[in-house]
Amino acid sequence: MWYTTPITCFAKPYKAIREEGYTRLAGTLDTHPLENSNWRKHKNACPFYRERWFPCNDVAAGEPMYQVFCLKNTPPITAEEQEKCFRSKTSCWRLAERRKAKTEAAAAQEDPLPSH
């Protein structure tokens, strides 16, 4: 079965817990995704991006299709951020933006050279 429903779960790593007719997500993990074979690396995504699929979940009932985990603790929050994760195959796009912002801020704080 192929899932074609848009992704609705971009949060931190969670376990699905059913109560009162809906699925709630709890923020605990039994094992680290780097050490667990159920968490898979996406072949075209960031090297720190991991995902775990739930093939038996009912997407129509609001259960998540999969969970996302970032080994650098910068998981995608929106669909646009997840697309950036998929396009940055060699490094984390968010960490690269932070480095670039720090470099630009440091350059802006430098004293201008006096002109003679």
C-alpha atoms as a PDB file:
ATOM      1  CA  MET A   1       0.000   0.000   0.000  1.00  0.00           C
ATOM      2  CA  TRP A   2       1.374   3.424  -0.944  1.00  0.00           C
ATOM      3  CA  TYR A   3       0.557   6.486   1.112  1.00  0.00           C
ATOM      4  CA  THR A   4      -0.091   9.624  -0.868  1.00  0.00           C
ATOM      5  CA  THR A   5      -1.544  11.711   1.962  1.00  0.00           C
ATOM      6  CA  PRO A   6       0.393  14.890   2.825  1.00  0.00           C
ATOM      7  CA  ILE A   7       2.675  14.625   5.831  1.00  0.00           C
ATOM      8  CA  THR A   8       1.201  16.069   9.001  1.00  0.00           C
ATOM      9  CA  CYS A   9       3.736  15.026  11.638  1.00  0.00           C
ATOM     10  CA  PHE A  10       6.942  17.088  11.700  1.00  0.00           C
ATOM     11  CA  ALA A  11       7.572  17.100  15.425  1.00  0.00           C
ATOM     12  CA  LYS A  12      10.337  15.655  17.555  1.00  0.00           C
ATOM     13  CA  PRO A  13      10.584  11.859  17.782  1.00  0.00           C
ATOM     14  CA  TYR A  14       7.386  10.518  19.301  1.00  0.00           C
ATOM     15  CA  LYS A  15       5.510   7.321  19.986  1.00  0.00           C
ATOM     16  CA  ALA A  16       1.863   7.141  19.014  1.00  0.00           C
ATOM     17  CA  ILE A  17      -0.464   6.489  21.945  1.00  0.00           C
ATOM     18  CA  ARG A  18      -4.176   5.882  21.421  1.00  0.00           C
ATOM     19  CA  GLU A  19      -6.618   7.270  23.922  1.00  0.00           C
ATOM     20  CA  GLU A  20     -10.189   8.500  23.721  1.00  0.00           C
ATOM     21  CA  GLY A  21     -10.537   7.785  20.016  1.00  0.00           C
ATOM     22  CA  TYR A  22      -7.572   9.813  18.755  1.00  0.00           C
ATOM     23  CA  THR A  23      -3.840   9.400  18.531  1.00  0.00           C
ATOM     24  CA  ARG A  24      -1.650  11.422  20.849  1.00  0.00           C
ATOM     25  CA  LEU A  25       2.120  11.629  20.501  1.00  0.00           C
ATOM     26  CA  ALA A  26       4.399  11.197  23.509  1.00  0.00           C
ATOM     27  CA  GLY A  27       7.986  12.448  23.430  1.00  0.00           C
ATOM     28  CA  THR A  28       9.934   9.353  24.430  1.00  0.00           C
ATOM     29  CA  LEU A  29      12.224   6.973  22.588  1.00  0.00           C
ATOM     30  CA  ASP A  30      13.283   3.489  23.630  1.00  0.00           C
ATOM     31  CA  THR A  31      16.564   3.516  21.701  1.00  0.00           C
ATOM     32  CA  HIS A  32      18.540   6.192  19.904  1.00  0.00           C
ATOM     33  CA  PRO A  33      17.674   6.351  16.172  1.00  0.00           C
ATOM     34  CA  LEU A  34      21.336   6.023  15.229  1.00  0.00           C
ATOM     35  CA  GLU A  35      21.406   2.608  16.937  1.00  0.00           C
ATOM     36  CA  ASN A  36      17.978   1.371  15.844  1.00  0.00           C
ATOM     37  CA  SER A  37      17.393  -0.207  12.429  1.00  0.00           C
ATOM     38  CA  ASN A  38      13.757   0.981  12.362  1.00  0.00           C
ATOM     39  CA  TRP A  39      14.979   4.565  11.871  1.00  0.00           C
ATOM     40  CA  ARG A  40      16.151   4.879   8.280  1.00  0.00           C
ATOM     41  CA  LYS A  41      18.295   7.416   6.500  1.00  0.00           C
ATOM     42  CA  HIS A  42      16.577   8.966   3.506  1.00  0.00           C
ATOM     43  CA  LYS A  43      18.805   8.396   0.471  1.00  0.00           C
ATOM     44  CA  ASN A  44      18.636  11.984  -0.824  1.00  0.00           C
ATOM     45  CA  ALA A  45      18.265  13.868   2.455  1.00  0.00           C
ATOM     46  CA  CYS A  46      20.621  15.420   4.977  1.00  0.00           C
ATOM     47  CA  PRO A  47      23.029  12.881   6.526  1.00  0.00           C
ATOM     48  CA  PHE A  48      21.494  13.597   9.958  1.00  0.00           C
ATOM     49  CA  TYR A  49      17.856  13.107   8.876  1.00  0.00           C
ATOM     50  CA  ARG A  50      16.156   9.889   9.994  1.00  0.00           C
ATOM     51  CA  GLU A  51      12.603   8.683   9.552  1.00  0.00           C
ATOM     52  CA  ARG A  52      10.569   5.782  10.911  1.00  0.00           C
ATOM     53  CA  TRP A  53       7.493   4.581   9.032  1.00  0.00           C
ATOM     54  CA  PHE A  54       4.286   3.206  10.556  1.00  0.00           C
ATOM     55  CA  PRO A  55       2.766   1.026   7.789  1.00  0.00           C
ATOM     56  CA  CYS A  56      -0.059  -0.256  10.005  1.00  0.00           C
ATOM     57  CA  ASN A  57      -1.308   3.169  11.104  1.00  0.00           C
ATOM     58  CA  ASP A  58      -4.590   4.510   9.795  1.00  0.00           C
ATOM     59  CA  VAL A  59      -3.798   7.857   8.163  1.00  0.00           C
ATOM     60  CA  ALA A  60      -7.497   8.581   7.582  1.00  0.00           C
ATOM     61  CA  ALA A  61      -8.009   8.370  11.354  1.00  0.00           C
ATOM     62  CA  GLY A  62      -5.269  10.949  11.952  1.00  0.00           C
ATOM     63  CA  GLU A  63      -2.475   8.577  12.886  1.00  0.00           C
ATOM     64  CA  PRO A  64       0.981   9.628  11.648  1.00  0.00           C
ATOM     65  CA  MET A  65       2.478   7.960   8.582  1.00  0.00           C
ATOM     66  CA  TYR A  66       5.979   8.390   9.935  1.00  0.00           C
ATOM     67  CA  GLN A  67       8.163  10.226  12.430  1.00  0.00           C
ATOM     68  CA  VAL A  68      11.173  12.397  11.748  1.00  0.00           C
ATOM     69  CA  PHE A  69      14.318  12.592  13.873  1.00  0.00           C
ATOM     70  CA  CYS A  70      17.342  14.831  13.408  1.00  0.00           C
ATOM     71  CA  LEU A  71      20.675  13.658  14.813  1.00  0.00           C
ATOM     72  CA  LYS A  72      21.745  17.329  15.162  1.00  0.00           C
ATOM     73  CA  ASN A  73      18.567  18.209  17.113  1.00  0.00           C
ATOM     74  CA  THR A  74      17.254  20.509  14.366  1.00  0.00           C
ATOM     75  CA  PRO A  75      14.209  18.606  13.054  1.00  0.00           C
ATOM     76  CA  PRO A  76      12.028  20.101  10.315  1.00  0.00           C
ATOM     77  CA  ILE A  77       8.942  21.834  11.685  1.00  0.00           C
ATOM     78  CA  THR A  78       7.146  22.635   8.416  1.00  0.00           C
ATOM     79  CA  ALA A  79       6.840  21.005   5.006  1.00  0.00           C
ATOM     80  CA  GLU A  80       9.121  23.715   3.558  1.00  0.00           C
ATOM     81  CA  GLU A  81      11.838  22.915   6.097  1.00  0.00           C
ATOM     82  CA  GLN A  82      11.519  19.217   5.332  1.00  0.00           C
ATOM     83  CA  GLU A  83      12.012  19.987   1.635  1.00  0.00           C
ATOM     84  CA  LYS A  84      15.238  21.793   2.557  1.00  0.00           C
ATOM     85  CA  CYS A  85      16.325  18.678   4.461  1.00  0.00           C
ATOM     86  CA  PHE A  86      15.700  16.610   1.340  1.00  0.00           C
ATOM     87  CA  ARG A  87      17.748  18.991  -0.838  1.00  0.00           C
ATOM     88  CA  SER A  88      20.812  19.224   1.426  1.00  0.00           C
ATOM     89  CA  LYS A  89      22.432  15.855   0.874  1.00  0.00           C
ATOM     90  CA  THR A  90      25.888  16.659   2.297  1.00  0.00           C
ATOM     91  CA  SER A  91      25.200  18.808   5.369  1.00  0.00           C
ATOM     92  CA  CYS A  92      22.472  20.274   7.568  1.00  0.00           C
ATOM     93  CA  TRP A  93      20.944  23.311   5.841  1.00  0.00           C
ATOM     94  CA  ARG A  94      19.948  24.893   9.169  1.00  0.00           C
ATOM     95  CA  LEU A  95      23.445  24.630  10.645  1.00  0.00           C
ATOM     96  CA  ALA A  96      24.881  26.043   7.395  1.00  0.00           C
ATOM     97  CA  GLU A  97      22.506  29.038   7.659  1.00  0.00           C
ATOM     98  CA  ARG A  98      23.595  29.613  11.277  1.00  0.00           C
ATOM     99  CA  ARG A  99      27.274  29.543  10.280  1.00  0.00           C
ATOM    100  CA  LYS A 100      26.595  31.973   7.445  1.00  0.00           C
ATOM    101  CA  ALA A 101      24.679  34.328   9.763  1.00  0.00           C
ATOM    102  CA  LYS A 102      27.523  34.259  12.325  1.00  0.00           C
ATOM    103  CA  THR A 103      30.076  34.993   9.610  1.00  0.00           C
ATOM    104  CA  GLU A 104      28.008  37.906   8.292  1.00  0.00           C
ATOM    105  CA  ALA A 105      27.476  39.284  11.811  1.00  0.00           C
ATOM    106  CA  ALA A 106      31.189  39.062  12.568  1.00  0.00           C
ATOM    107  CA  ALA A 107      32.013  40.834   9.300  1.00  0.00           C
ATOM    108  CA  ALA A 108      29.515  43.594  10.089  1.00  0.00           C
ATOM    109  CA  GLN A 109      31.011  44.133  13.552  1.00  0.00           C
ATOM    110  CA  GLU A 110      34.572  44.537  12.293  1.00  0.00           C
ATOM    111  CA  ASP A 111      35.915  48.067  12.295  1.00  0.00           C
ATOM    112  CA  PRO A 112      36.069  49.515   8.821  1.00  0.00           C
ATOM    113  CA  LEU A 113      39.545  50.151   7.516  1.00  0.00           C
ATOM    114  CA  PRO A 114      40.476  53.833   7.553  1.00  0.00           C
ATOM    115  CA  SER A 115      40.894  55.281   4.105  1.00  0.00           C
ATOM    116  CA  HIS A 116      43.869  57.576   3.493  1.00  0.00           C
END
